[in-house]
Structure formats: structure tokens, C-alpha cells
Protein backbone atom coordinates (compact mmCIF):
# COMPACT_ATOMS: atom_id res chain seq x y z
CA MET A 1 0.15 -0.48 -0.19
CA HIS A 2 2.53 2.46 0.86
CA THR A 3 4.16 1.73 -2.55
CA LEU A 4 1.35 2.65 -4.61
CA ARG A 5 0.92 5.49 -2.34
CA ARG A 6 4.37 6.85 -3.05
CA GLY A 7 3.61 5.95 -6.54
CA LEU A 8 0.59 8.18 -6.68
CA VAL A 9 2.65 11.45 -5.13
CA ALA A 10 5.24 10.88 -7.13
CA GLY A 11 2.96 10.31 -10.57
CA LEU A 12 0.92 13.63 -9.63
CA LEU A 13 4.50 15.83 -9.42
CA ALA A 14 5.74 14.18 -12.37
CA GLY A 15 2.25 15.05 -14.01
CA LEU A 16 1.60 18.90 -12.78
CA VAL A 17 5.97 19.15 -14.80
CA LEU A 18 4.99 18.00 -17.50
CA ALA A 19 1.49 20.08 -17.35
CA MET A 20 3.61 23.09 -16.79
CA LEU A 21 5.91 22.04 -19.72
CA ASN A 22 2.92 21.83 -22.47
CA PHE A 23 2.03 25.14 -20.89
CA VAL A 24 4.95 27.11 -21.98
CA THR A 25 6.29 25.17 -24.29
CA ASP A 26 4.28 26.79 -27.18
CA GLY A 27 4.71 30.31 -28.47
CA THR A 28 1.45 30.49 -27.10
CA PRO A 29 0.82 29.69 -23.54
CA GLY A 30 -1.38 26.54 -23.16
CA ARG A 31 -1.99 25.75 -26.44
CA THR A 32 -1.72 22.80 -26.39
CA LEU A 33 -3.42 21.79 -23.13
CA PRO A 34 -6.54 21.20 -24.72
CA GLU A 35 -4.78 18.42 -26.81
CA ALA A 36 -5.44 16.30 -24.06
CA LEU A 37 -8.33 16.78 -23.44
CA GLN A 38 -9.19 15.47 -27.52
CA TRP A 39 -7.37 12.31 -27.01
CA PHE A 40 -10.87 10.75 -24.95
CA GLY A 41 -13.10 13.04 -27.61
CA ILE A 42 -13.43 15.38 -25.18
CA THR A 43 -14.45 19.49 -26.54
CA ILE A 44 -15.03 22.20 -24.49
CA ALA A 45 -15.62 25.17 -26.22
CA ASP A 46 -14.53 27.76 -24.08
CA PRO A 47 -10.67 27.72 -24.87
CA SER A 48 -9.22 28.81 -20.92
CA ILE A 49 -11.71 26.01 -19.20
CA SER A 50 -9.97 23.39 -21.75
CA ARG A 51 -6.83 24.52 -21.14
CA PHE A 52 -7.45 24.33 -17.72
CA ALA A 53 -9.28 20.83 -17.65
CA GLY A 54 -6.41 19.91 -20.22
CA PHE A 55 -3.76 20.70 -17.46
CA LEU A 56 -5.95 18.66 -14.65
CA LEU A 57 -6.12 15.61 -16.43
CA LEU A 58 -2.30 15.77 -17.30
CA ILE A 59 -2.05 15.29 -13.70
CA VAL A 60 -4.44 13.23 -13.46
CA LEU A 61 -3.07 10.47 -15.89
CA GLY A 62 0.36 11.12 -14.01
CA GLY A 63 -1.04 9.88 -11.22
CA VAL A 64 -2.82 6.89 -13.13
CA PHE A 65 0.31 6.29 -14.36
CA GLY A 66 2.17 6.77 -11.05
CA LEU A 67 0.69 4.16 -10.08
CA ILE A 68 1.22 1.98 -12.79
CA PHE A 69 5.08 2.63 -12.06
CA SER A 70 4.36 1.39 -8.38
CA ALA A 71 3.13 -1.41 -9.60
CA LEU A 72 5.68 -2.31 -11.44
CA GLN A 73 8.10 -2.08 -8.72
CA ARG A 74 5.74 -4.98 -5.95
CA GLU A 75 7.40 -3.23 -3.02
CA ARG A 76 11.58 -3.41 -3.94
CA ILE A 77 14.01 -0.79 -3.11
CA ILE A 78 15.41 0.28 -6.32
CA THR A 79 18.38 2.32 -7.27
CA ILE A 80 18.43 5.06 -9.18
CA SER A 81 19.68 3.97 -12.52
CA HIS A 82 16.41 1.47 -12.39
CA ALA A 83 14.08 3.61 -11.25
CA LEU A 84 15.66 5.96 -14.56
CA LEU A 85 15.26 3.59 -16.63
CA TRP A 86 11.78 2.07 -15.56
CA GLY A 87 10.95 5.68 -15.95
CA LEU A 88 12.41 6.39 -19.43
CA ALA A 89 10.09 3.22 -20.58
CA LEU A 90 7.01 4.48 -19.11
CA GLY A 91 8.17 8.18 -20.43
CA PHE A 92 7.66 6.19 -23.56
CA VAL A 93 5.47 4.37 -23.45
CA TRP A 94 3.37 7.24 -22.30
CA TRP A 95 4.33 9.20 -25.75
CA LEU A 96 3.93 5.96 -27.87
CA VAL A 97 -0.10 5.75 -26.32
CA PHE A 98 -1.54 9.93 -26.23
CA SER A 99 1.08 11.36 -27.89
CA LEU A 100 1.37 9.15 -30.96
CA LEU A 101 -2.18 6.37 -30.80
CA LEU A 102 -4.81 8.45 -29.34
CA ALA A 103 -3.64 12.07 -30.84
CA ASN A 104 -3.60 10.65 -34.27
CA ILE A 105 -6.70 8.31 -34.18
CA MET A 106 -8.41 11.55 -32.78
CA ASN A 107 -7.18 14.24 -35.97
CA HIS A 108 -8.13 10.85 -38.02
CA HIS A 109 -4.83 10.20 -39.08
CA PRO A 110 -3.24 7.01 -39.35
CA PRO A 111 -2.35 5.25 -35.57
CA PHE A 112 1.32 5.47 -36.35
CA SER A 113 1.27 8.35 -38.70
CA LEU A 114 4.60 10.86 -37.33
CA ASP A 115 6.57 14.38 -38.66
CA PHE A 116 9.44 15.45 -37.72
CA GLY A 117 7.95 18.51 -36.10
CA ARG A 118 5.44 16.63 -33.92
CA PHE A 119 7.96 14.03 -32.98
CA LEU A 120 10.19 16.68 -31.83
CA SER A 121 7.88 19.01 -29.90
CA THR A 122 6.67 15.61 -27.69
CA PHE A 123 8.82 13.17 -27.68
CA PRO A 124 11.39 14.74 -25.63
CA ILE A 125 8.67 16.04 -23.19
CA ASP A 126 6.85 13.07 -22.61
CA LEU A 127 10.49 10.69 -22.11
CA LEU A 128 11.23 13.91 -19.61
CA PHE A 129 7.85 13.45 -17.86
CA GLY A 130 9.25 9.68 -17.17
CA VAL A 131 12.71 10.14 -15.46
CA VAL A 132 10.99 13.11 -13.46
CA LEU A 133 8.64 10.53 -12.33
CA GLY A 134 11.17 7.49 -11.76
CA ALA A 135 13.25 10.36 -9.85
CA ILE A 136 10.61 11.57 -7.53
CA TYR A 137 9.53 8.22 -6.67
CA PHE A 138 13.43 7.31 -6.10
CA GLN A 139 13.48 9.92 -3.97
CA LEU A 140 10.42 9.12 -1.90
CA GLY A 141 11.61 5.51 -1.71
CA VAL A 142 15.41 6.87 -0.16
CA THR A 143 13.25 9.20 2.21
CA THR A 144 10.98 6.35 4.03
CA PHE A 145 14.15 3.81 3.67
CA PHE A 146 16.34 6.01 6.15
CA THR A 147 14.05 7.64 8.36
CA SER A 148 12.56 3.96 9.04
CA ILE A 149 16.20 3.20 9.63
CA PHE A 150 17.06 6.62 11.59
CA PRO A 151 13.91 7.01 13.35
CA ALA A 152 14.08 11.07 14.80
CA LYS A 153 14.55 11.80 18.13
CA PRO A 154 12.53 13.89 20.33
CA THR A 155 15.01 17.39 21.93
CA GLY A 156 13.92 18.12 25.62
């Protein structure tokens, strides 16, 4: 249970980083955030509400991927390299599922069609999401591990 909680927190924080990066990577702030809603066929007419809803959806999806990440770890103590590699793999899965497959299907393109500009704008950020997820998950585990070994001594 503790592993799932740690994965959820890591995923929510990594999702927040991803949502903030999607907010600032394009020339117009938040222009790409409604695309997250379009992955699931959701369209909101008001642009400010759709940007906010896309921002929240990315954070929630980050939490879901954090739960998947923690379920794959199965209560093991992992090294930083192991966490970063698993995070990188999960970032690739994120890119494959959301930025490639669902985006193409919802835009009525063949599922695996990709142009170079869209690849460069989505692939590095999605891999960074995975690496951040792995790093936060590892850091939360290290903090828990050391506090269980060296409990804080009350002063006074």
C-alpha cells in the first residue's frame, strides 16, 4: 500500500511538471493543453476552461501512470538507475499511447503516422516525464528508507 501511495504522489508531481512544460513549450501559453482532452474525445468551447481542464487531466493521468509505475516495482528497494530506466520506459509508453496513437486516432490520421516537428515537440517532453517520475519515486523511497532506519529523536 505504501508503494502505491508513493507512486501516486510521484505520478501527480511528474504530471504537474509535464503539464507546466506543456503550458510553456509553445509560443502561446497553454495552446497544447486542450489536446489532452481531445485524446478522449472531450471538447470544451471556452478556451480558458479547456486549457485548465487539460492541465488537470495531465496531472490525473500522471497519477495513473505513477500507480502503474509503483505496481511494476512490487515493494522492492530499487536503485536510482533502475528507477530512471523504468521511468524512461514508462515515458516512452506515455508518448506511444497518448502523443502518437490517441492523438492520431482523434485527428483521423493513420495510428502510427508522425511528422518530424510533432515528434520533436512531444517525444523529449514525454521521456522527461518518465525520468522525473522515476526520480521522484526513488527520492520518496530513499526518504522513507532512511527515516525508518534513523528515526528522529525527540529533543527536550
